[in-house]
Amino acid sequence: MTELYPAAVLWDLDGTLVDTEPYWMSAQTALIESYGGTWSHDEAMDLVGSGLWRTAQTMQRHGVQLTEDAIVALLSDQVMQQISVSVPWRPGAKELLLAIREAGIPTAMVTMSIGRMAEHVRSFIPFDAFDVVVSGDRVANAKPDPEAYLLAAVELGVAPADCLAIEDSTTGVAAAAAAGVVTIGVPHMLDLDDSPADVLWPTLAGRSVADLVGAFADARGAVSRTGSNGALA
């Protein structure tokens, strides 16, 4: 039987490719505290996977007296500075990304971080990692809206249903699934058990292109048999 390869693999950034969520949280805390406010871990967790303009609005409600765009720029600068000191790659992510590229499968980064932040991370990858980058400042609607994933598919010239996404957050999984993309959930800071992910992997460490192809083929088979994207065992 001919193997069913995805037409493209679409990667989330924060929490999936790089473990930058702690960087974002520390930047949020520092900003709010500079205005005399307080910021809890639970409040920070509520923003994991969200668009940065939602984060900015939350910062304003906690007393930060800056425009939304200024907040997004400031937080991004602080996270980029931390990345420059140490890039926190998620286990197995860079290795799997390289294997995908060596297999000739097109890729896109689909992130709610702004473009210069995405390109900053990209600059630390020692190979040509992505054909397309869709960032949060390129879309009108942040995840969990499917707009970013649909745009990535358009720019790659492929159908969303022929793509596979890798996501770590509930909002990200919801966005990819809503776009009709086969989705692998790799839980990091959030539980994805009730998410619409087609399959859950505890880690990308040790995963291969063959594993991706198998997950994609299983999900497409489930869709053809059931007409739905139910979670697979």
Protein backbone atom coordinates (compact mmCIF):
# COMPACT_ATOMS: atom_id res chain seq x y z
CA MET A 1 0.00 0.00 0.00
CA THR A 2 1.27 3.48 -0.90
CA GLU A 3 1.96 5.57 2.18
CA LEU A 4 -0.21 8.66 2.63
CA TYR A 5 2.11 11.59 3.21
CA PRO A 6 0.88 14.98 4.41
CA ALA A 7 1.20 17.72 1.80
CA ALA A 8 2.76 19.93 4.47
CA VAL A 9 3.54 19.98 8.18
CA LEU A 10 2.45 23.11 10.04
CA TRP A 11 4.29 23.93 13.26
CA ASP A 12 3.22 26.01 16.21
CA LEU A 13 6.10 27.94 17.78
CA ASP A 14 5.73 28.80 21.48
CA GLY A 15 5.49 25.64 23.57
CA THR A 16 5.83 23.33 20.57
CA LEU A 17 9.10 24.16 18.82
CA VAL A 18 10.55 26.23 21.67
CA ASP A 19 9.68 26.30 25.38
CA THR A 20 9.23 30.06 25.53
CA GLU A 21 6.09 30.18 27.69
CA PRO A 22 8.18 30.77 30.86
CA TYR A 23 9.87 33.66 29.03
CA TRP A 24 6.49 35.21 28.20
CA MET A 25 5.32 34.76 31.78
CA SER A 26 8.38 36.44 33.24
CA ALA A 27 8.02 39.33 30.78
CA GLN A 28 4.34 39.74 31.70
CA THR A 29 5.14 39.70 35.42
CA ALA A 30 7.91 42.27 35.07
CA LEU A 31 5.69 44.60 33.03
CA ILE A 32 2.73 44.46 35.42
CA GLU A 33 4.92 44.83 38.49
CA SER A 34 6.57 47.90 36.94
CA TYR A 35 3.13 49.53 37.14
CA GLY A 36 2.60 48.41 40.74
CA GLY A 37 0.36 45.44 39.91
CA THR A 38 0.54 41.74 40.64
CA TRP A 39 0.41 38.76 38.29
CA SER A 40 -0.28 35.16 39.29
CA HIS A 41 0.76 31.90 37.65
CA ASP A 42 -2.89 31.00 37.04
CA GLU A 43 -3.49 34.31 35.27
CA ALA A 44 -0.45 33.71 33.10
CA MET A 45 -1.59 30.17 32.29
CA ASP A 46 -4.91 31.54 31.03
CA LEU A 47 -3.01 33.32 28.25
CA VAL A 48 -1.03 30.30 27.02
CA GLY A 49 -1.71 29.89 23.31
CA SER A 50 -3.61 33.18 23.05
CA GLY A 51 -3.05 35.99 20.59
CA LEU A 52 -0.72 38.73 21.81
CA TRP A 53 -3.34 41.44 21.53
CA ARG A 54 -5.52 39.54 24.01
CA THR A 55 -2.47 39.46 26.27
CA ALA A 56 -2.04 43.21 25.81
CA GLN A 57 -5.64 43.87 26.76
CA THR A 58 -5.17 41.76 29.88
CA MET A 59 -2.03 43.73 30.77
CA GLN A 60 -4.02 46.96 30.45
CA ARG A 61 -6.69 45.65 32.80
CA HIS A 62 -3.89 45.04 35.30
CA GLY A 63 -2.81 48.66 35.18
CA VAL A 64 -0.27 48.80 32.35
CA GLN A 65 -0.65 52.25 30.81
CA LEU A 66 0.58 51.54 27.30
CA THR A 67 -1.17 50.96 23.99
CA GLU A 68 -1.83 47.40 22.90
CA ASP A 69 0.78 47.62 20.15
CA ALA A 70 3.37 49.02 22.56
CA ILE A 71 2.72 46.16 25.00
CA VAL A 72 3.04 43.55 22.25
CA ALA A 73 6.32 45.10 21.10
CA LEU A 74 7.74 45.37 24.63
CA LEU A 75 6.87 41.81 25.64
CA SER A 76 8.23 40.48 22.34
CA ASP A 77 11.49 42.38 22.81
CA GLN A 78 11.94 40.92 26.28
CA VAL A 79 11.27 37.38 25.11
CA MET A 80 13.63 37.81 22.16
CA GLN A 81 16.36 39.00 24.52
CA GLN A 82 15.92 35.84 26.60
CA ILE A 83 16.01 33.67 23.47
CA SER A 84 19.26 35.32 22.44
CA VAL A 85 20.78 34.11 25.70
CA SER A 86 19.35 30.59 25.48
CA VAL A 87 17.06 28.98 22.89
CA PRO A 88 14.85 26.54 24.83
CA TRP A 89 14.17 23.91 22.18
CA ARG A 90 11.41 21.45 23.03
CA PRO A 91 12.62 17.83 23.20
CA GLY A 92 12.89 16.27 19.75
CA ALA A 93 11.35 19.25 17.95
CA LYS A 94 14.37 20.53 16.01
CA GLU A 95 15.41 16.97 15.14
CA LEU A 96 11.95 16.10 13.79
CA LEU A 97 11.78 19.37 11.86
CA LEU A 98 15.11 18.55 10.19
CA ALA A 99 13.92 15.05 9.30
CA ILE A 100 10.77 16.50 7.72
CA ARG A 101 12.83 18.90 5.64
CA GLU A 102 15.19 16.13 4.57
CA ALA A 103 12.14 14.12 3.47
CA GLY A 104 11.15 17.01 1.19
CA ILE A 105 7.88 17.79 2.95
CA PRO A 106 6.92 21.50 2.88
CA THR A 107 6.60 23.23 6.25
CA ALA A 108 5.09 26.37 7.75
CA MET A 109 5.39 28.05 11.11
CA VAL A 110 1.94 29.09 12.35
CA THR A 111 2.32 31.24 15.44
CA MET A 112 0.55 34.01 17.33
CA SER A 113 3.92 35.62 18.04
CA ILE A 114 4.69 38.61 15.84
CA GLY A 115 6.74 38.21 12.68
CA ARG A 116 10.06 39.55 13.97
CA MET A 117 9.84 37.22 16.97
CA ALA A 118 9.17 34.26 14.66
CA GLU A 119 12.09 35.24 12.45
CA HIS A 120 14.31 35.66 15.51
CA VAL A 121 13.71 32.04 16.51
CA ARG A 122 14.09 30.95 12.90
CA SER A 123 17.53 32.59 12.77
CA PHE A 124 18.81 30.10 15.37
CA ILE A 125 17.79 27.05 13.29
CA PRO A 126 20.89 25.84 11.40
CA PHE A 127 18.98 24.77 8.28
CA ASP A 128 16.24 26.10 5.98
CA ALA A 129 13.35 25.20 8.25
CA PHE A 130 10.20 26.81 6.85
CA ASP A 131 8.70 27.61 3.46
CA VAL A 132 6.11 29.95 5.01
CA VAL A 133 5.76 31.85 8.29
CA VAL A 134 2.29 32.98 9.38
CA SER A 135 2.56 35.19 12.46
CA GLY A 136 0.01 36.81 14.73
CA ASP A 137 0.43 40.23 13.13
CA ARG A 138 -0.53 38.81 9.73
CA VAL A 139 -4.05 37.70 10.68
CA ALA A 140 -7.14 39.51 11.90
CA ASN A 141 -8.28 36.64 14.12
CA ALA A 142 -6.00 34.85 16.60
CA LYS A 143 -6.13 31.18 17.49
CA PRO A 144 -8.51 29.41 18.22
CA ASP A 145 -9.84 30.95 15.00
CA PRO A 146 -8.61 28.86 12.03
CA GLU A 147 -7.52 31.90 9.97
CA ALA A 148 -3.77 31.43 10.50
CA TYR A 149 -3.86 27.76 9.49
CA LEU A 150 -6.02 28.47 6.47
CA LEU A 151 -3.62 31.21 5.38
CA ALA A 152 -0.63 28.88 5.75
CA ALA A 153 -2.31 26.30 3.51
CA VAL A 154 -3.13 28.95 0.89
CA GLU A 155 0.45 30.23 0.84
CA LEU A 156 1.82 26.70 0.55
CA GLY A 157 -0.66 25.96 -2.25
CA VAL A 158 -2.16 22.91 -0.51
CA ALA A 159 -5.54 21.96 0.91
CA PRO A 160 -5.86 22.24 4.71
CA ALA A 161 -7.23 18.70 4.88
CA ASP A 162 -4.00 17.44 3.31
CA CYS A 163 -1.86 19.05 6.03
CA LEU A 164 -0.71 17.96 9.46
CA ALA A 165 -0.27 20.37 12.38
CA ILE A 166 1.74 20.02 15.59
CA GLU A 167 0.39 22.00 18.55
CA ASP A 168 0.80 22.13 22.32
CA SER A 169 -2.12 24.31 23.49
CA THR A 170 -5.90 23.97 23.57
CA THR A 171 -6.35 27.12 21.49
CA GLY A 172 -3.80 25.98 18.94
CA VAL A 173 -5.31 22.52 18.58
CA ALA A 174 -8.76 24.09 18.23
CA ALA A 175 -7.49 26.42 15.50
CA ALA A 176 -5.86 23.65 13.47
CA ALA A 177 -8.84 21.32 13.87
CA ALA A 178 -11.27 24.07 12.86
CA ALA A 179 -9.23 24.55 9.68
CA GLY A 180 -9.68 20.85 8.90
CA VAL A 181 -5.99 20.06 9.47
CA VAL A 182 -4.99 16.71 10.98
CA THR A 183 -3.60 17.68 14.37
CA ILE A 184 -1.05 16.09 16.67
CA GLY A 185 -1.29 17.46 20.19
CA VAL A 186 1.91 17.44 22.24
CA PRO A 187 0.80 18.60 25.71
CA HIS A 188 3.24 20.81 27.52
CA MET A 189 1.73 23.20 30.06
CA LEU A 190 -1.91 22.35 29.34
CA ASP A 191 -3.96 19.14 29.34
CA LEU A 192 -5.18 18.29 25.83
CA ASP A 193 -7.26 15.24 26.73
CA ASP A 194 -10.54 16.98 25.84
CA SER A 195 -9.15 18.79 22.81
CA PRO A 196 -10.04 17.92 19.20
CA ALA A 197 -6.52 16.64 18.50
CA ASP A 198 -6.50 13.58 16.26
CA VAL A 199 -3.73 12.01 18.32
CA LEU A 200 -1.77 12.96 21.43
CA TRP A 201 1.97 12.36 21.78
CA PRO A 202 3.60 12.96 25.17
CA THR A 203 6.75 14.24 23.46
CA LEU A 204 8.38 14.70 20.06
CA ALA A 205 11.58 13.10 21.34
CA GLY A 206 12.36 10.02 19.28
CA ARG A 207 9.59 10.68 16.76
CA SER A 208 10.27 10.21 13.06
CA VAL A 209 8.77 11.11 9.71
CA ALA A 210 7.35 7.60 9.63
CA ASP A 211 5.49 8.33 12.87
CA LEU A 212 4.02 11.49 11.31
CA VAL A 213 3.00 9.62 8.18
CA GLY A 214 1.36 6.91 10.27
CA ALA A 215 -0.56 9.43 12.39
CA PHE A 216 -1.68 11.30 9.29
CA ALA A 217 -2.78 8.13 7.48
CA ASP A 218 -4.66 6.89 10.55
CA ALA A 219 -6.46 10.22 10.93
CA ARG A 220 -7.39 10.43 7.26
CA GLY A 221 -8.63 6.85 7.45
CA ALA A 222 -10.77 7.70 10.46
CA VAL A 223 -12.23 10.69 8.63
CA SER A 224 -13.11 8.58 5.58
CA ARG A 225 -14.71 5.90 7.77
CA THR A 226 -16.57 8.13 10.21
CA GLY A 227 -16.79 11.55 8.61
CA SER A 228 -15.36 13.14 11.76
CA ASN A 229 -12.04 14.09 13.32
CA GLY A 230 -12.48 12.16 16.55
CA ALA A 231 -9.43 11.53 18.72
CA LEU A 232 -7.55 8.42 17.81
CA ALA A 233 -6.06 5.86 20.14
